[in-house]
């Protein structure tokens, strides 16, 4: 019986981590959109907040074997905004 409880707990933890990961992914996408808008009007941009969210996501990802996200540089945003 205890094996079933352990499995149930692992599944519960995995689902919670998945929800948190997806929530952070949505936040990350919003930040990327904001950065692209700022870059398109030549505003000075900072990727610090974006990479903080990315770091949180990667901590969850490494623990639960989710896909890792790359950290973003200012140059990457400016280059993408020019396209």
PDB file of N, CA and C in Angstrom:
ATOM      1  N   UNK A   1       0.818  -1.202   0.000  1.00  0.00           N
ATOM      2  CA  UNK A   1       0.000   0.000   0.000  1.00  0.00           C
ATOM      3  C   UNK A   1       0.860   1.263   0.000  1.00  0.00           C
ATOM      4  N   UNK A   2       1.992   1.233   0.705  1.00  0.00           N
ATOM      5  CA  UNK A   2       2.833   2.421   0.769  1.00  0.00           C
ATOM      6  C   UNK A   2       3.457   2.759  -0.583  1.00  0.00           C
ATOM      7  N   UNK A   3       3.686   1.751  -1.417  1.00  0.00           N
ATOM      8  CA  UNK A   3       4.216   2.004  -2.760  1.00  0.00           C
ATOM      9  C   UNK A   3       3.207   2.809  -3.567  1.00  0.00           C
ATOM     10  N   UNK A   4       1.949   2.490  -3.431  1.00  0.00           N
ATOM     11  CA  UNK A   4       0.907   3.228  -4.140  1.00  0.00           C
ATOM     12  C   UNK A   4       0.851   4.682  -3.668  1.00  0.00           C
ATOM     13  N   UNK A   5       1.032   4.891  -2.389  1.00  0.00           N
ATOM     14  CA  UNK A   5       1.029   6.252  -1.852  1.00  0.00           C
ATOM     15  C   UNK A   5       2.241   7.036  -2.341  1.00  0.00           C
ATOM     16  N   UNK A   6       3.371   6.373  -2.427  1.00  0.00           N
ATOM     17  CA  UNK A   6       4.571   7.038  -2.934  1.00  0.00           C
ATOM     18  C   UNK A   6       4.406   7.426  -4.403  1.00  0.00           C
ATOM     19  N   UNK A   7       3.843   6.529  -5.173  1.00  0.00           N
ATOM     20  CA  UNK A   7       3.604   6.821  -6.598  1.00  0.00           C
ATOM     21  C   UNK A   7       2.614   7.967  -6.734  1.00  0.00           C
ATOM     22  N   UNK A   8       1.562   7.926  -5.950  1.00  0.00           N
ATOM     23  CA  UNK A   8       0.562   8.994  -5.989  1.00  0.00           C
ATOM     24  C   UNK A   8       1.190  10.336  -5.626  1.00  0.00           C
ATOM     25  N   UNK A   9       2.068  10.350  -4.653  1.00  0.00           N
ATOM     26  CA  UNK A   9       2.749  11.577  -4.244  1.00  0.00           C
ATOM     27  C   UNK A   9       3.674  12.079  -5.351  1.00  0.00           C
ATOM     28  N   UNK A  10       4.381  11.175  -6.006  1.00  0.00           N
ATOM     29  CA  UNK A  10       5.258  11.563  -7.111  1.00  0.00           C
ATOM     30  C   UNK A  10       4.457  12.160  -8.264  1.00  0.00           C
ATOM     31  N   UNK A  11       3.330  11.540  -8.570  1.00  0.00           N
ATOM     32  CA  UNK A  11       2.477  12.053  -9.644  1.00  0.00           C
ATOM     33  C   UNK A  11       1.947  13.435  -9.276  1.00  0.00           C
ATOM     34  N   UNK A  12       1.532  13.596  -8.033  1.00  0.00           N
ATOM     35  CA  UNK A  12       1.028  14.893  -7.562  1.00  0.00           C
ATOM     36  C   UNK A  12       2.113  15.958  -7.685  1.00  0.00           C
ATOM     37  N   UNK A  13       3.329  15.648  -7.246  1.00  0.00           N
ATOM     38  CA  UNK A  13       4.433  16.599  -7.333  1.00  0.00           C
ATOM     39  C   UNK A  13       4.768  16.940  -8.781  1.00  0.00           C
ATOM     40  N   UNK A  14       4.731  15.939  -9.641  1.00  0.00           N
ATOM     41  CA  UNK A  14       5.018  16.163 -11.060  1.00  0.00           C
ATOM     42  C   UNK A  14       3.964  17.080 -11.682  1.00  0.00           C
ATOM     43  N   UNK A  15       2.717  16.850 -11.375  1.00  0.00           N
ATOM     44  CA  UNK A  15       1.639  17.695 -11.920  1.00  0.00           C
ATOM     45  C   UNK A  15       1.753  19.127 -11.418  1.00  0.00           C
ATOM     46  N   UNK A  16       2.075  19.294 -10.134  1.00  0.00           N
ATOM     47  CA  UNK A  16       2.240  20.642  -9.595  1.00  0.00           C
ATOM     48  C   UNK A  16       3.408  21.356 -10.269  1.00  0.00           C
ATOM     49  N   UNK A  17       4.492  20.644 -10.458  1.00  0.00           N
ATOM     50  CA  UNK A  17       5.654  21.221 -11.125  1.00  0.00           C
ATOM     51  C   UNK A  17       5.323  21.585 -12.567  1.00  0.00           C
ATOM     52  N   UNK A  18       4.556  20.741 -13.221  1.00  0.00           N
ATOM     53  CA  UNK A  18       4.168  21.004 -14.605  1.00  0.00           C
ATOM     54  C   UNK A  18       3.306  22.267 -14.689  1.00  0.00           C
ATOM     55  N   UNK A  19       2.376  22.420 -13.758  1.00  0.00           N
ATOM     56  CA  UNK A  19       1.527  23.622 -13.739  1.00  0.00           C
ATOM     57  C   UNK A  19       2.361  24.874 -13.511  1.00  0.00           C
ATOM     58  N   UNK A  20       3.286  24.806 -12.561  1.00  0.00           N
ATOM     59  CA  UNK A  20       4.146  25.949 -12.267  1.00  0.00           C
ATOM     60  C   UNK A  20       5.045  26.269 -13.463  1.00  0.00           C
ATOM     61  N   UNK A  21       5.567  25.259 -14.106  1.00  0.00           N
ATOM     62  CA  UNK A  21       6.411  25.437 -15.283  1.00  0.00           C
ATOM     63  C   UNK A  21       5.639  26.131 -16.406  1.00  0.00           C
ATOM     64  N   UNK A  22       4.414  25.673 -16.649  1.00  0.00           N
ATOM     65  CA  UNK A  22       3.592  26.276 -17.705  1.00  0.00           C
ATOM     66  C   UNK A  22       3.197  27.709 -17.365  1.00  0.00           C
ATOM     67  N   UNK A  23       2.950  27.964 -16.093  1.00  0.00           N
ATOM     68  CA  UNK A  23       2.626  29.324 -15.659  1.00  0.00           C
ATOM     69  C   UNK A  23       3.823  30.246 -15.887  1.00  0.00           C
ATOM     70  N   UNK A  24       5.001  29.789 -15.513  1.00  0.00           N
ATOM     71  CA  UNK A  24       6.211  30.574 -15.737  1.00  0.00           C
ATOM     72  C   UNK A  24       6.499  30.748 -17.224  1.00  0.00           C
ATOM     73  N   UNK A  25       6.180  29.732 -18.023  1.00  0.00           N
ATOM     74  CA  UNK A  25       6.381  29.829 -19.470  1.00  0.00           C
ATOM     75  C   UNK A  25       5.495  30.924 -20.063  1.00  0.00           C
ATOM     76  N   UNK A  26       4.270  31.038 -19.573  1.00  0.00           N
ATOM     77  CA  UNK A  26       3.365  32.091 -20.046  1.00  0.00           C
ATOM     78  C   UNK A  26       3.902  33.467 -19.644  1.00  0.00           C
ATOM     79  N   UNK A  27       4.399  33.583 -18.433  1.00  0.00           N
ATOM     80  CA  UNK A  27       4.991  34.838 -17.974  1.00  0.00           C
ATOM     81  C   UNK A  27       6.204  35.187 -18.837  1.00  0.00           C
ATOM     82  N   UNK A  28       7.009  34.190 -19.119  1.00  0.00           N
ATOM     83  CA  UNK A  28       8.204  34.390 -19.948  1.00  0.00           C
ATOM     84  C   UNK A  28       7.823  34.895 -21.335  1.00  0.00           C
ATOM     85  N   UNK A  29       6.803  34.320 -21.928  1.00  0.00           N
ATOM     86  CA  UNK A  29       6.351  34.763 -23.252  1.00  0.00           C
ATOM     87  C   UNK A  29       5.847  36.201 -23.214  1.00  0.00           C
ATOM     88  N   UNK A  30       5.154  36.575 -22.142  1.00  0.00           N
ATOM     89  CA  UNK A  30       4.676  37.962 -22.001  1.00  0.00           C
ATOM     90  C   UNK A  30       5.859  38.924 -21.913  1.00  0.00           C
ATOM     91  N   UNK A  31       6.856  38.541 -21.152  1.00  0.00           N
ATOM     92  CA  UNK A  31       8.043  39.388 -21.023  1.00  0.00           C
ATOM     93  C   UNK A  31       8.748  39.526 -22.372  1.00  0.00           C
ATOM     94  N   UNK A  32       8.839  38.439 -23.102  1.00  0.00           N
ATOM     95  CA  UNK A  32       9.467  38.489 -24.437  1.00  0.00           C
ATOM     96  C   UNK A  32       8.693  39.429 -25.346  1.00  0.00           C
ATOM     97  N   UNK A  33       7.373  39.347 -25.328  1.00  0.00           N
ATOM     98  CA  UNK A  33       6.553  40.250 -26.150  1.00  0.00           C
ATOM     99  C   UNK A  33       6.795  41.708 -25.772  1.00  0.00           C
ATOM    100  N   UNK A  34       6.862  41.977 -24.470  1.00  0.00           N
ATOM    101  CA  UNK A  34       7.115  43.345 -24.018  1.00  0.00           C
ATOM    102  C   UNK A  34       8.486  43.832 -24.469  1.00  0.00           C
ATOM    103  N   UNK A  35       9.477  42.967 -24.350  1.00  0.00           N
ATOM    104  CA  UNK A  35      10.828  43.337 -24.774  1.00  0.00           C
ATOM    105  C   UNK A  35      10.886  43.622 -26.274  1.00  0.00           C
ATOM    106  N   UNK A  36      10.186  42.814 -27.052  1.00  0.00           N
ATOM    107  CA  UNK A  36      10.174  43.040 -28.502  1.00  0.00           C
ATOM    108  C   UNK A  36       9.486  44.355 -28.851  1.00  0.00           C
ATOM    109  N   UNK A  37       8.421  44.678 -28.133  1.00  0.00           N
ATOM    110  CA  UNK A  37       7.748  45.960 -28.362  1.00  0.00           C
ATOM    111  C   UNK A  37       8.669  47.118 -28.000  1.00  0.00           C
ATOM    112  N   UNK A  38       9.351  47.005 -26.869  1.00  0.00           N
ATOM    113  CA  UNK A  38      10.280  48.059 -26.461  1.00  0.00           C
ATOM    114  C   UNK A  38      11.418  48.195 -27.462  1.00  0.00           C
ATOM    115  N   UNK A  39      11.935  47.084 -27.926  1.00  0.00           N
ATOM    116  CA  UNK A  39      13.050  47.115 -28.877  1.00  0.00           C
ATOM    117  C   UNK A  39      12.618  47.704 -30.218  1.00  0.00           C
ATOM    118  N   UNK A  40      11.359  47.506 -30.591  1.00  0.00           N
ATOM    119  CA  UNK A  40      10.900  48.010 -31.890  1.00  0.00           C
ATOM    120  C   UNK A  40      10.810  49.527 -31.909  1.00  0.00           C
ATOM    121  N   UNK A  41      10.693  50.151 -30.755  1.00  0.00           N
ATOM    122  CA  UNK A  41      10.678  51.617 -30.691  1.00  0.00           C
ATOM    123  C   UNK A  41      12.003  52.144 -30.150  1.00  0.00           C
ATOM    124  N   UNK A  42      13.020  51.292 -30.213  1.00  0.00           N
ATOM    125  CA  UNK A  42      14.396  51.627 -29.843  1.00  0.00           C
ATOM    126  C   UNK A  42      14.554  52.022 -28.378  1.00  0.00           C
ATOM    127  N   UNK A  43      13.705  51.493 -27.539  1.00  0.00           N
ATOM    128  CA  UNK A  43      13.872  51.744 -26.104  1.00  0.00           C
ATOM    129  C   UNK A  43      15.006  50.877 -25.580  1.00  0.00           C
ATOM    130  N   UNK A  44      15.643  51.359 -24.532  1.00  0.00           N
ATOM    131  CA  UNK A  44      16.671  50.556 -23.887  1.00  0.00           C
ATOM    132  C   UNK A  44      15.971  49.399 -23.175  1.00  0.00           C
ATOM    133  N   UNK A  45      16.486  48.203 -23.349  1.00  0.00           N
ATOM    134  CA  UNK A  45      15.833  47.031 -22.778  1.00  0.00           C
ATOM    135  C   UNK A  45      16.766  46.313 -21.810  1.00  0.00           C
ATOM    136  N   UNK A  46      16.153  45.586 -20.893  1.00  0.00           N
ATOM    137  CA  UNK A  46      16.900  44.764 -19.949  1.00  0.00           C
ATOM    138  C   UNK A  46      16.286  43.373 -19.951  1.00  0.00           C
ATOM    139  N   UNK A  47      17.122  42.366 -20.065  1.00  0.00           N
ATOM    140  CA  UNK A  47      16.649  40.982 -20.091  1.00  0.00           C
ATOM    141  C   UNK A  47      16.784  40.313 -18.723  1.00  0.00           C
ATOM    142  N   UNK A  48      17.073  41.109 -17.704  1.00  0.00           N
ATOM    143  CA  UNK A  48      17.285  40.571 -16.357  1.00  0.00           C
ATOM    144  C   UNK A  48      16.046  39.842 -15.835  1.00  0.00           C
ATOM    145  N   UNK A  49      14.879  40.449 -15.957  1.00  0.00           N
ATOM    146  CA  UNK A  49      13.639  39.822 -15.478  1.00  0.00           C
ATOM    147  C   UNK A  49      13.340  38.548 -16.265  1.00  0.00           C
ATOM    148  N   UNK A  50      13.546  38.602 -17.556  1.00  0.00           N
ATOM    149  CA  UNK A  50      13.318  37.436 -18.412  1.00  0.00           C
ATOM    150  C   UNK A  50      14.209  36.271 -17.993  1.00  0.00           C
ATOM    151  N   UNK A  51      15.458  36.550 -17.774  1.00  0.00           N
ATOM    152  CA  UNK A  51      16.382  35.480 -17.406  1.00  0.00           C
ATOM    153  C   UNK A  51      16.159  34.977 -15.983  1.00  0.00           C
ATOM    154  N   UNK A  52      15.594  35.801 -15.115  1.00  0.00           N
ATOM    155  CA  UNK A  52      15.239  35.341 -13.763  1.00  0.00           C
ATOM    156  C   UNK A  52      14.118  34.303 -13.851  1.00  0.00           C
ATOM    157  N   UNK A  53      13.131  34.570 -14.708  1.00  0.00           N
ATOM    158  CA  UNK A  53      12.040  33.613 -14.917  1.00  0.00           C
ATOM    159  C   UNK A  53      12.583  32.346 -15.580  1.00  0.00           C
ATOM    160  N   UNK A  54      13.471  32.520 -16.537  1.00  0.00           N
ATOM    161  CA  UNK A  54      14.086  31.378 -17.219  1.00  0.00           C
ATOM    162  C   UNK A  54      14.845  30.504 -16.222  1.00  0.00           C
ATOM    163  N   UNK A  55      15.539  31.129 -15.301  1.00  0.00           N
ATOM    164  CA  UNK A  55      16.293  30.378 -14.298  1.00  0.00           C
ATOM    165  C   UNK A  55      15.342  29.555 -13.420  1.00  0.00           C
ATOM    166  N   UNK A  56      14.218  30.153 -13.012  1.00  0.00           N
ATOM    167  CA  UNK A  56      13.226  29.416 -12.222  1.00  0.00           C
ATOM    168  C   UNK A  56      12.690  28.225 -13.001  1.00  0.00           C
ATOM    169  N   UNK A  57      12.403  28.458 -14.272  1.00  0.00           N
ATOM    170  CA  UNK A  57      11.895  27.382 -15.121  1.00  0.00           C
ATOM    171  C   UNK A  57      12.907  26.256 -15.246  1.00  0.00           C
ATOM    172  N   UNK A  58      14.167  26.606 -15.431  1.00  0.00           N
ATOM    173  CA  UNK A  58      15.202  25.597 -15.615  1.00  0.00           C
ATOM    174  C   UNK A  58      15.470  24.804 -14.333  1.00  0.00           C
ATOM    175  N   UNK A  59      15.256  25.430 -13.180  1.00  0.00           N
ATOM    176  CA  UNK A  59      15.379  24.695 -11.920  1.00  0.00           C
ATOM    177  C   UNK A  59      14.300  23.610 -11.839  1.00  0.00           C
ATOM    178  N   UNK A  60      13.085  23.973 -12.206  1.00  0.00           N
ATOM    179  CA  UNK A  60      11.999  22.991 -12.224  1.00  0.00           C
ATOM    180  C   UNK A  60      12.275  21.937 -13.292  1.00  0.00           C
ATOM    181  N   UNK A  61      12.699  22.401 -14.457  1.00  0.00           N
ATOM    182  CA  UNK A  61      12.939  21.499 -15.590  1.00  0.00           C
ATOM    183  C   UNK A  61      13.998  20.452 -15.276  1.00  0.00           C
ATOM    184  N   UNK A  62      15.049  20.862 -14.621  1.00  0.00           N
ATOM    185  CA  UNK A  62      16.114  19.904 -14.335  1.00  0.00           C
ATOM    186  C   UNK A  62      15.682  18.874 -13.298  1.00  0.00           C
ATOM    187  N   UNK A  63      14.809  19.265 -12.414  1.00  0.00           N
ATOM    188  CA  UNK A  63      14.338  18.337 -11.378  1.00  0.00           C
ATOM    189  C   UNK A  63      13.332  17.328 -11.935  1.00  0.00           C
ATOM    190  N   UNK A  64      12.494  17.788 -12.874  1.00  0.00           N
ATOM    191  CA  UNK A  64      11.413  16.945 -13.393  1.00  0.00           C
ATOM    192  C   UNK A  64      11.605  16.545 -14.851  1.00  0.00           C
ATOM    193  N   UNK A  65      12.773  16.797 -15.400  1.00  0.00           N
ATOM    194  CA  UNK A  65      13.116  16.420 -16.767  1.00  0.00           C
ATOM    195  C   UNK A  65      12.184  17.048 -17.815  1.00  0.00           C
ATOM    196  N   UNK A  66      11.900  18.332 -17.622  1.00  0.00           N
ATOM    197  CA  UNK A  66      11.174  19.109 -18.619  1.00  0.00           C
ATOM    198  C   UNK A  66      12.220  19.749 -19.538  1.00  0.00           C
ATOM    199  N   UNK A  67      11.797  20.272 -20.679  1.00  0.00           N
ATOM    200  CA  UNK A  67      12.768  20.911 -21.576  1.00  0.00           C
ATOM    201  C   UNK A  67      13.326  22.203 -20.965  1.00  0.00           C
ATOM    202  N   UNK A  68      14.626  22.385 -21.100  1.00  0.00           N
ATOM    203  CA  UNK A  68      15.274  23.593 -20.595  1.00  0.00           C
ATOM    204  C   UNK A  68      15.021  24.752 -21.544  1.00  0.00           C
ATOM    205  N   UNK A  69      15.046  25.962 -21.010  1.00  0.00           N
ATOM    206  CA  UNK A  69      14.911  27.175 -21.809  1.00  0.00           C
ATOM    207  C   UNK A  69      16.258  27.891 -21.825  1.00  0.00           C
ATOM    208  N   UNK A  70      16.568  28.523 -22.930  1.00  0.00           N
ATOM    209  CA  UNK A  70      17.828  29.253 -23.059  1.00  0.00           C
ATOM    210  C   UNK A  70      17.688  30.634 -22.429  1.00  0.00           C
ATOM    211  N   UNK A  71      18.781  31.087 -21.827  1.00  0.00           N
ATOM    212  CA  UNK A  71      18.812  32.468 -21.372  1.00  0.00           C
ATOM    213  C   UNK A  71      18.944  33.362 -22.601  1.00  0.00           C
ATOM    214  N   UNK A  72      18.410  34.553 -22.498  1.00  0.00           N
ATOM    215  CA  UNK A  72      18.328  35.465 -23.634  1.00  0.00           C
ATOM    216  C   UNK A  72      19.237  36.661 -23.386  1.00  0.00           C
ATOM    217  N   UNK A  73      19.920  37.081 -24.430  1.00  0.00           N
ATOM    218  CA  UNK A  73      20.752  38.286 -24.331  1.00  0.00           C
ATOM    219  C   UNK A  73      20.011  39.462 -24.960  1.00  0.00           C
ATOM    220  N   UNK A  74      20.470  40.640 -24.618  1.00  0.00           N
ATOM    221  CA  UNK A  74      19.897  41.856 -25.188  1.00  0.00           C
ATOM    222  C   UNK A  74      20.052  41.849 -26.711  1.00  0.00           C
ATOM    223  N   UNK A  75      21.194  41.366 -27.161  1.00  0.00           N
ATOM    224  CA  UNK A  75      21.463  41.320 -28.598  1.00  0.00           C
ATOM    225  C   UNK A  75      20.487  40.388 -29.323  1.00  0.00           C
ATOM    226  N   UNK A  76      20.132  39.290 -28.664  1.00  0.00           N
ATOM    227  CA  UNK A  76      19.178  38.354 -29.270  1.00  0.00           C
ATOM    228  C   UNK A  76      17.817  39.026 -29.481  1.00  0.00           C
ATOM    229  N   UNK A  77      17.377  39.781 -28.488  1.00  0.00           N
ATOM    230  CA  UNK A  77      16.081  40.485 -28.584  1.00  0.00           C
ATOM    231  C   UNK A  77      16.137  41.526 -29.679  1.00  0.00           C
ATOM    232  N   UNK A  78      17.197  42.322 -29.687  1.00  0.00           N
ATOM    233  CA  UNK A  78      17.324  43.399 -30.696  1.00  0.00           C
ATOM    234  C   UNK A  78      17.397  42.804 -32.095  1.00  0.00           C
ATOM    235  N   UNK A  79      18.106  41.708 -32.267  1.00  0.00           N
ATOM    236  CA  UNK A  79      18.207  41.054 -33.563  1.00  0.00           C
ATOM    237  C   UNK A  79      16.859  40.537 -34.025  1.00  0.00           C
ATOM    238  N   UNK A  80      16.125  39.919 -33.119  1.00  0.00           N
ATOM    239  CA  UNK A  80      14.806  39.376 -33.473  1.00  0.00           C
ATOM    240  C   UNK A  80      13.820  40.502 -33.776  1.00  0.00           C
ATOM    241  N   UNK A  81      13.914  41.601 -33.062  1.00  0.00           N
ATOM    242  CA  UNK A  81      13.008  42.728 -33.274  1.00  0.00           C
ATOM    243  C   UNK A  81      13.203  43.377 -34.641  1.00  0.00           C
ATOM    244  N   UNK A  82      14.415  43.274 -35.182  1.00  0.00           N
ATOM    245  CA  UNK A  82      14.707  43.865 -36.490  1.00  0.00           C
ATOM    246  C   UNK A  82      14.098  43.077 -37.641  1.00  0.00           C
ATOM    247  N   UNK A  83      13.765  41.817 -37.394  1.00  0.00           N
ATOM    248  CA  UNK A  83      13.218  40.963 -38.469  1.00  0.00           C
ATOM    249  C   UNK A  83      11.813  41.351 -38.828  1.00  0.00           C
TER     250      UNK A  83
END
